[in-house]
C-alpha cells in the first residue's frame, strides 16, 4: 500500500525494539521545522575520493504535485525562512530549478556537512520530489 512502510530487508530493522517509532524529518533540537537531513558522504567518497565538509552544493531540484503549494524546500540550517522553495505547477506539472545551497551543519555520522530538505503539499500531494547534486563547493 502507498501509505505504509514496507521492509525490504528484515536485517535492516533487526535491532529495533517493540514500540519504536520512525521519524520523518530531523529532531527539533537540530532542525526546528523538521527538515530531513541528507548526508552526501556516500556520494563524496566514490566520486571525489574522500569525505570532507563541503561549503555548499549546486543542486537540480524537482517538485511535482497537485496544488500550487506543493514544495520542496532546501535550507542551509533547517530553518524555514532561510530555505529556497521549488514549487510545482498549479496543474500538478513538474517544475525543476538549479540552485546553490550553503551547507553549514556538520554531519554527526561523517566528515561531510548535511543537506537539509523539507517537503510539503497544500494540494492533493507531492508526486515527485527529487534532488540531484551537480557540484560540490569546498
N, C-alpha and C. Protein backbone atom coordinates (compact mmCIF):
# COMPACT_ATOMS: atom_id res chain seq x y z
N UNK A 1 0.84 -1.19 0.00
CA UNK A 1 0.00 0.00 0.00
C UNK A 1 0.88 1.25 0.00
N UNK A 2 0.38 2.29 -0.62
CA UNK A 2 1.16 3.52 -0.78
C UNK A 2 1.36 4.28 0.51
N UNK A 3 0.53 4.06 1.51
CA UNK A 3 0.66 4.83 2.75
C UNK A 3 1.26 4.03 3.89
N UNK A 4 1.94 2.92 3.60
CA UNK A 4 2.54 2.10 4.63
C UNK A 4 4.02 1.87 4.34
N UNK A 5 4.79 1.76 5.41
CA UNK A 5 6.20 1.44 5.28
C UNK A 5 6.34 -0.06 5.03
N UNK A 6 7.14 -0.41 4.05
CA UNK A 6 7.38 -1.82 3.75
C UNK A 6 8.86 -2.13 3.97
N UNK A 7 9.14 -3.15 4.72
CA UNK A 7 10.51 -3.56 5.00
C UNK A 7 10.97 -4.50 3.89
N UNK A 8 12.06 -4.13 3.23
CA UNK A 8 12.60 -4.95 2.14
C UNK A 8 13.57 -5.98 2.68
N UNK A 9 14.35 -5.60 3.70
CA UNK A 9 15.36 -6.48 4.27
C UNK A 9 15.16 -6.51 5.79
N UNK A 10 14.73 -7.64 6.33
CA UNK A 10 14.45 -7.75 7.76
C UNK A 10 15.69 -7.45 8.61
N UNK A 11 16.88 -7.71 8.07
CA UNK A 11 18.10 -7.43 8.81
C UNK A 11 18.30 -5.94 9.09
N UNK A 12 17.71 -5.09 8.25
CA UNK A 12 17.86 -3.65 8.42
C UNK A 12 17.16 -3.15 9.68
N UNK A 13 16.17 -3.88 10.17
CA UNK A 13 15.46 -3.45 11.38
C UNK A 13 15.60 -4.45 12.52
N UNK A 14 16.58 -5.35 12.38
CA UNK A 14 16.78 -6.40 13.38
C UNK A 14 17.02 -5.89 14.78
N UNK A 15 17.59 -4.71 14.93
CA UNK A 15 17.89 -4.16 16.25
C UNK A 15 16.77 -3.34 16.85
N UNK A 16 15.66 -3.20 16.15
CA UNK A 16 14.56 -2.39 16.67
C UNK A 16 13.84 -3.13 17.79
N UNK A 17 13.32 -2.37 18.73
CA UNK A 17 12.53 -2.92 19.83
C UNK A 17 11.06 -2.59 19.61
N UNK A 18 10.15 -3.39 20.16
CA UNK A 18 8.72 -3.08 20.01
C UNK A 18 8.41 -1.67 20.52
N UNK A 19 7.58 -0.96 19.78
CA UNK A 19 7.16 0.38 20.18
C UNK A 19 8.04 1.50 19.66
N UNK A 20 9.16 1.18 18.98
CA UNK A 20 9.99 2.24 18.41
C UNK A 20 9.25 2.91 17.27
N UNK A 21 9.56 4.18 17.05
CA UNK A 21 8.86 4.93 16.01
C UNK A 21 9.84 5.38 14.93
N UNK A 22 9.31 5.65 13.76
CA UNK A 22 10.10 6.18 12.66
C UNK A 22 9.78 7.66 12.56
N UNK A 23 10.80 8.46 12.53
CA UNK A 23 10.62 9.91 12.47
C UNK A 23 10.99 10.40 11.08
N UNK A 24 10.06 11.07 10.43
CA UNK A 24 10.33 11.67 9.13
C UNK A 24 10.66 13.13 9.39
N UNK A 25 11.89 13.50 9.19
CA UNK A 25 12.37 14.85 9.49
C UNK A 25 13.31 14.81 10.67
N UNK A 26 14.19 15.77 10.71
CA UNK A 26 15.20 15.81 11.75
C UNK A 26 14.61 16.12 13.11
N UNK A 27 15.32 15.81 14.17
CA UNK A 27 14.85 16.14 15.52
C UNK A 27 14.73 17.65 15.69
N UNK A 28 13.76 18.09 16.48
CA UNK A 28 13.50 19.52 16.61
C UNK A 28 14.66 20.28 17.26
N UNK A 29 15.54 19.60 17.99
CA UNK A 29 16.69 20.32 18.56
C UNK A 29 17.77 20.56 17.51
N UNK A 30 17.71 19.86 16.36
CA UNK A 30 18.65 20.06 15.26
C UNK A 30 18.02 20.92 14.19
N UNK A 31 16.82 20.60 13.78
CA UNK A 31 16.10 21.36 12.75
C UNK A 31 14.71 21.69 13.27
N UNK A 32 14.48 22.91 13.73
CA UNK A 32 13.21 23.27 14.36
C UNK A 32 11.99 23.00 13.49
N UNK A 33 12.13 23.03 12.18
CA UNK A 33 10.99 22.82 11.29
C UNK A 33 10.96 21.42 10.70
N UNK A 34 11.63 20.48 11.33
CA UNK A 34 11.60 19.06 10.97
C UNK A 34 12.06 18.80 9.55
N UNK A 35 13.15 19.42 9.18
CA UNK A 35 13.77 19.13 7.89
C UNK A 35 14.38 17.74 7.92
N UNK A 36 14.51 17.13 6.77
CA UNK A 36 15.16 15.83 6.64
C UNK A 36 16.63 16.10 6.34
N UNK A 37 17.50 15.50 7.11
CA UNK A 37 18.94 15.70 6.94
C UNK A 37 19.50 14.64 5.99
N UNK A 38 20.18 15.09 4.94
CA UNK A 38 20.78 14.18 3.96
C UNK A 38 22.29 14.30 4.05
N UNK A 39 22.94 13.19 4.37
CA UNK A 39 24.40 13.13 4.42
C UNK A 39 24.87 12.64 3.06
N UNK A 40 25.64 13.46 2.34
CA UNK A 40 26.06 13.08 0.99
C UNK A 40 27.40 12.35 0.97
N UNK A 41 27.93 11.96 2.13
CA UNK A 41 29.24 11.29 2.16
C UNK A 41 29.27 10.00 1.35
N UNK A 42 28.17 9.22 1.25
CA UNK A 42 28.25 8.02 0.40
C UNK A 42 28.50 8.35 -1.07
N UNK A 43 28.17 9.57 -1.50
CA UNK A 43 28.47 10.00 -2.87
C UNK A 43 29.86 10.62 -2.95
N UNK A 44 30.29 11.33 -1.93
CA UNK A 44 31.57 12.03 -1.97
C UNK A 44 32.75 11.07 -2.15
N UNK A 45 32.75 9.99 -1.38
CA UNK A 45 33.92 9.11 -1.40
C UNK A 45 34.14 8.46 -2.77
N UNK A 46 33.15 7.79 -3.35
CA UNK A 46 33.42 7.14 -4.65
C UNK A 46 33.63 8.12 -5.80
N UNK A 47 33.00 9.29 -5.73
CA UNK A 47 33.12 10.24 -6.84
C UNK A 47 34.36 11.11 -6.71
N UNK A 48 34.66 11.58 -5.49
CA UNK A 48 35.77 12.52 -5.28
C UNK A 48 36.93 11.94 -4.49
N UNK A 49 36.82 10.69 -4.04
CA UNK A 49 37.94 10.03 -3.39
C UNK A 49 38.12 10.33 -1.92
N UNK A 50 37.21 11.06 -1.32
CA UNK A 50 37.30 11.37 0.10
C UNK A 50 36.04 12.03 0.60
N UNK A 51 35.91 12.09 1.91
CA UNK A 51 34.77 12.74 2.54
C UNK A 51 35.29 13.96 3.28
N UNK A 52 34.65 15.10 3.07
CA UNK A 52 35.12 16.36 3.62
C UNK A 52 33.92 17.28 3.85
N UNK A 53 34.06 18.30 4.70
CA UNK A 53 32.96 19.23 4.95
C UNK A 53 32.83 20.23 3.80
N UNK A 54 31.86 20.01 2.95
CA UNK A 54 31.63 20.92 1.82
C UNK A 54 30.97 22.20 2.32
N UNK A 55 31.23 23.30 1.62
CA UNK A 55 30.64 24.60 1.99
C UNK A 55 29.26 24.79 1.38
N UNK A 56 29.00 24.09 0.29
CA UNK A 56 27.71 24.21 -0.37
C UNK A 56 27.58 23.18 -1.47
N UNK A 57 26.38 23.13 -2.04
CA UNK A 57 26.09 22.20 -3.12
C UNK A 57 25.33 22.92 -4.21
N UNK A 58 25.65 22.63 -5.45
CA UNK A 58 24.81 23.05 -6.56
C UNK A 58 23.88 21.89 -6.84
N UNK A 59 22.59 22.17 -6.88
CA UNK A 59 21.58 21.12 -7.00
C UNK A 59 20.65 21.37 -8.17
N UNK A 60 20.11 20.30 -8.70
CA UNK A 60 18.95 20.36 -9.57
C UNK A 60 17.82 19.75 -8.75
N UNK A 61 16.76 20.51 -8.54
CA UNK A 61 15.66 20.06 -7.71
C UNK A 61 14.38 20.04 -8.52
N UNK A 62 13.51 19.08 -8.22
CA UNK A 62 12.24 18.96 -8.93
C UNK A 62 11.11 18.71 -7.95
N UNK A 63 9.96 19.32 -8.23
CA UNK A 63 8.75 19.08 -7.44
C UNK A 63 7.58 18.96 -8.40
N UNK A 64 6.73 17.99 -8.13
CA UNK A 64 5.52 17.80 -8.92
C UNK A 64 4.42 17.41 -7.97
N UNK A 65 3.27 18.02 -8.10
CA UNK A 65 2.15 17.68 -7.24
C UNK A 65 0.96 18.54 -7.57
N UNK A 66 -0.20 18.09 -7.20
CA UNK A 66 -1.43 18.81 -7.48
C UNK A 66 -1.62 19.87 -6.41
N UNK A 67 -1.68 21.11 -6.80
CA UNK A 67 -1.84 22.21 -5.85
C UNK A 67 -0.66 23.14 -5.92
N UNK A 68 -0.92 24.43 -5.88
CA UNK A 68 0.14 25.43 -6.04
C UNK A 68 1.22 25.33 -4.98
N UNK A 69 0.85 24.87 -3.78
CA UNK A 69 1.80 24.91 -2.68
C UNK A 69 2.61 23.63 -2.51
N UNK A 70 2.59 22.74 -3.48
CA UNK A 70 3.45 21.56 -3.38
C UNK A 70 4.88 22.04 -3.52
N UNK A 71 5.67 21.91 -2.46
CA UNK A 71 7.02 22.47 -2.47
C UNK A 71 8.05 21.48 -1.94
N UNK A 72 9.24 21.67 -2.39
CA UNK A 72 10.42 21.01 -1.86
C UNK A 72 11.33 22.16 -1.45
N UNK A 73 11.65 22.26 -0.17
CA UNK A 73 12.43 23.39 0.34
C UNK A 73 13.79 22.90 0.82
N UNK A 74 14.83 23.61 0.43
CA UNK A 74 16.19 23.30 0.84
C UNK A 74 16.66 24.47 1.71
N UNK A 75 17.28 24.19 2.82
CA UNK A 75 17.73 25.26 3.69
C UNK A 75 19.12 24.94 4.23
N UNK A 76 19.96 25.96 4.37
CA UNK A 76 21.31 25.70 4.86
C UNK A 76 21.35 25.24 6.32
N UNK A 77 20.37 25.67 7.13
CA UNK A 77 20.45 25.36 8.56
C UNK A 77 19.16 24.80 9.14
N UNK A 78 18.19 24.45 8.31
CA UNK A 78 16.98 23.81 8.81
C UNK A 78 15.94 24.75 9.35
N UNK A 79 16.06 26.03 9.07
CA UNK A 79 15.02 26.97 9.48
C UNK A 79 14.24 27.39 8.24
N UNK A 80 12.94 27.50 8.37
CA UNK A 80 12.07 27.72 7.23
C UNK A 80 12.35 28.96 6.41
N UNK A 81 12.57 30.10 7.05
CA UNK A 81 12.75 31.34 6.32
C UNK A 81 13.99 31.39 5.47
N UNK A 82 14.96 30.54 5.75
CA UNK A 82 16.22 30.56 5.02
C UNK A 82 16.19 29.66 3.80
N UNK A 83 15.10 28.94 3.58
CA UNK A 83 15.04 27.95 2.52
C UNK A 83 14.80 28.54 1.14
N UNK A 84 15.02 27.72 0.15
CA UNK A 84 14.73 28.07 -1.24
C UNK A 84 13.73 27.07 -1.77
N UNK A 85 12.48 27.48 -1.99
CA UNK A 85 11.47 26.51 -2.41
C UNK A 85 11.50 26.22 -3.90
N UNK A 86 11.07 25.02 -4.23
CA UNK A 86 10.79 24.61 -5.60
C UNK A 86 9.30 24.28 -5.60
N UNK A 87 8.50 25.11 -6.24
CA UNK A 87 7.05 24.89 -6.23
C UNK A 87 6.62 24.22 -7.53
N UNK A 88 5.74 23.24 -7.40
CA UNK A 88 5.20 22.59 -8.59
C UNK A 88 4.25 23.53 -9.30
N UNK A 89 3.93 23.21 -10.53
CA UNK A 89 2.95 23.98 -11.28
C UNK A 89 1.56 23.71 -10.72
N UNK A 90 0.65 24.66 -10.84
CA UNK A 90 -0.68 24.54 -10.26
C UNK A 90 -1.45 23.34 -10.81
N UNK A 91 -1.15 22.93 -12.05
CA UNK A 91 -1.86 21.78 -12.63
C UNK A 91 -1.20 20.45 -12.27
N UNK A 92 -0.21 20.47 -11.41
CA UNK A 92 0.48 19.25 -11.00
C UNK A 92 1.72 18.95 -11.81
N UNK A 93 1.99 19.78 -12.81
CA UNK A 93 3.16 19.55 -13.66
C UNK A 93 4.46 19.73 -12.90
N UNK A 94 5.49 19.06 -13.39
CA UNK A 94 6.79 19.10 -12.73
C UNK A 94 7.51 20.40 -13.04
N UNK A 95 8.16 20.95 -12.05
CA UNK A 95 9.00 22.13 -12.22
C UNK A 95 10.37 21.79 -11.67
N UNK A 96 11.39 22.15 -12.42
CA UNK A 96 12.75 21.92 -11.97
C UNK A 96 13.50 23.24 -11.91
N UNK A 97 14.44 23.33 -10.99
CA UNK A 97 15.29 24.51 -10.87
C UNK A 97 16.70 24.04 -10.53
N UNK A 98 17.66 24.90 -10.84
CA UNK A 98 19.02 24.69 -10.38
C UNK A 98 19.33 25.77 -9.37
N UNK A 99 20.02 25.41 -8.31
CA UNK A 99 20.32 26.36 -7.25
C UNK A 99 21.58 25.95 -6.51
N UNK A 100 22.13 26.90 -5.79
CA UNK A 100 23.25 26.62 -4.90
C UNK A 100 22.77 26.81 -3.47
N UNK A 101 23.03 25.84 -2.61
CA UNK A 101 22.62 25.86 -1.21
C UNK A 101 23.87 25.75 -0.34
N UNK A 102 23.99 26.63 0.63
CA UNK A 102 25.08 26.51 1.60
C UNK A 102 24.79 25.34 2.53
N UNK A 103 25.82 24.64 2.93
CA UNK A 103 25.67 23.51 3.85
C UNK A 103 26.58 23.76 5.05
N UNK A 104 26.00 24.24 6.14
CA UNK A 104 26.80 24.65 7.29
C UNK A 104 26.65 23.75 8.51
N UNK A 105 25.77 22.74 8.44
CA UNK A 105 25.53 21.88 9.59
C UNK A 105 26.38 20.60 9.45
N UNK A 106 27.31 20.35 10.37
CA UNK A 106 28.15 19.15 10.29
C UNK A 106 27.32 17.88 10.47
N UNK A 107 27.67 16.85 9.73
CA UNK A 107 27.01 15.55 9.90
C UNK A 107 27.51 14.89 11.17
N UNK A 108 26.63 14.28 11.95
CA UNK A 108 27.10 13.55 13.13
C UNK A 108 27.68 12.18 12.76
N UNK A 109 27.55 11.78 11.49
CA UNK A 109 27.99 10.44 11.07
C UNK A 109 29.25 10.42 10.22
N UNK A 110 29.58 11.57 9.62
CA UNK A 110 30.74 11.58 8.71
C UNK A 110 31.41 12.95 8.79
N UNK A 111 32.42 13.14 7.97
CA UNK A 111 33.13 14.43 7.93
C UNK A 111 32.50 15.41 6.95
N UNK A 112 31.35 15.06 6.36
CA UNK A 112 30.69 15.99 5.43
C UNK A 112 29.69 16.87 6.18
N UNK A 113 29.09 17.79 5.47
CA UNK A 113 28.02 18.61 6.02
C UNK A 113 26.69 18.11 5.48
N UNK A 114 25.60 18.43 6.18
CA UNK A 114 24.28 17.93 5.83
C UNK A 114 23.56 18.86 4.86
N UNK A 115 22.78 18.27 3.96
CA UNK A 115 21.82 19.00 3.14
C UNK A 115 20.48 18.82 3.85
N UNK A 116 19.79 19.93 4.12
CA UNK A 116 18.53 19.86 4.85
C UNK A 116 17.36 20.16 3.91
N UNK A 117 16.39 19.26 3.86
CA UNK A 117 15.28 19.31 2.91
C UNK A 117 13.97 19.11 3.65
N UNK A 118 12.94 19.81 3.20
CA UNK A 118 11.60 19.67 3.76
C UNK A 118 10.61 19.66 2.61
N UNK A 119 9.64 18.75 2.62
CA UNK A 119 8.63 18.79 1.57
C UNK A 119 7.25 18.95 2.20
N UNK A 120 6.39 19.65 1.48
CA UNK A 120 5.03 19.85 1.96
C UNK A 120 4.12 20.00 0.76
N UNK A 121 2.83 19.82 0.98
CA UNK A 121 1.86 19.99 -0.10
C UNK A 121 0.54 20.46 0.49
N UNK A 122 0.08 21.62 0.05
CA UNK A 122 -1.23 22.09 0.46
C UNK A 122 -2.30 21.54 -0.46
N UNK A 123 -1.90 21.11 -1.66
CA UNK A 123 -2.83 20.50 -2.60
C UNK A 123 -3.00 19.03 -2.25
N UNK A 124 -3.25 18.22 -3.25
CA UNK A 124 -3.51 16.80 -3.01
C UNK A 124 -2.29 16.06 -2.48
N UNK A 125 -1.16 16.25 -3.13
CA UNK A 125 0.04 15.53 -2.70
C UNK A 125 1.22 15.92 -3.57
N UNK A 126 2.41 15.69 -3.03
CA UNK A 126 3.59 15.80 -3.87
C UNK A 126 3.78 14.42 -4.51
N UNK A 127 3.84 14.41 -5.82
CA UNK A 127 4.01 13.15 -6.52
C UNK A 127 5.48 12.83 -6.71
N UNK A 128 6.28 13.84 -7.02
CA UNK A 128 7.71 13.65 -7.21
C UNK A 128 8.45 14.76 -6.48
N UNK A 129 9.44 14.42 -5.74
CA UNK A 129 10.34 15.39 -5.14
C UNK A 129 11.73 14.80 -5.26
N UNK A 130 12.60 15.46 -6.00
CA UNK A 130 13.92 14.86 -6.21
C UNK A 130 15.01 15.90 -6.17
N UNK A 131 16.20 15.45 -5.85
CA UNK A 131 17.40 16.27 -5.80
C UNK A 131 18.52 15.57 -6.56
N UNK A 132 19.27 16.33 -7.29
CA UNK A 132 20.45 15.82 -7.99
C UNK A 132 21.60 16.75 -7.65
N UNK A 133 22.69 16.22 -7.08
CA UNK A 133 23.86 17.04 -6.77
C UNK A 133 24.65 17.22 -8.05
N UNK A 134 24.83 18.48 -8.48
CA UNK A 134 25.58 18.79 -9.69
C UNK A 134 27.03 19.08 -9.40
N UNK A 135 27.30 19.79 -8.29
CA UNK A 135 28.67 20.09 -7.93
C UNK A 135 28.77 20.34 -6.43
N UNK A 136 29.99 20.24 -5.93
CA UNK A 136 30.28 20.40 -4.51
C UNK A 136 31.19 21.61 -4.36
N UNK A 137 30.83 22.52 -3.46
CA UNK A 137 31.65 23.70 -3.16
C UNK A 137 32.52 23.40 -1.96
N UNK A 138 33.83 23.66 -2.10
CA UNK A 138 34.75 23.40 -0.99
C UNK A 138 35.37 24.68 -0.49
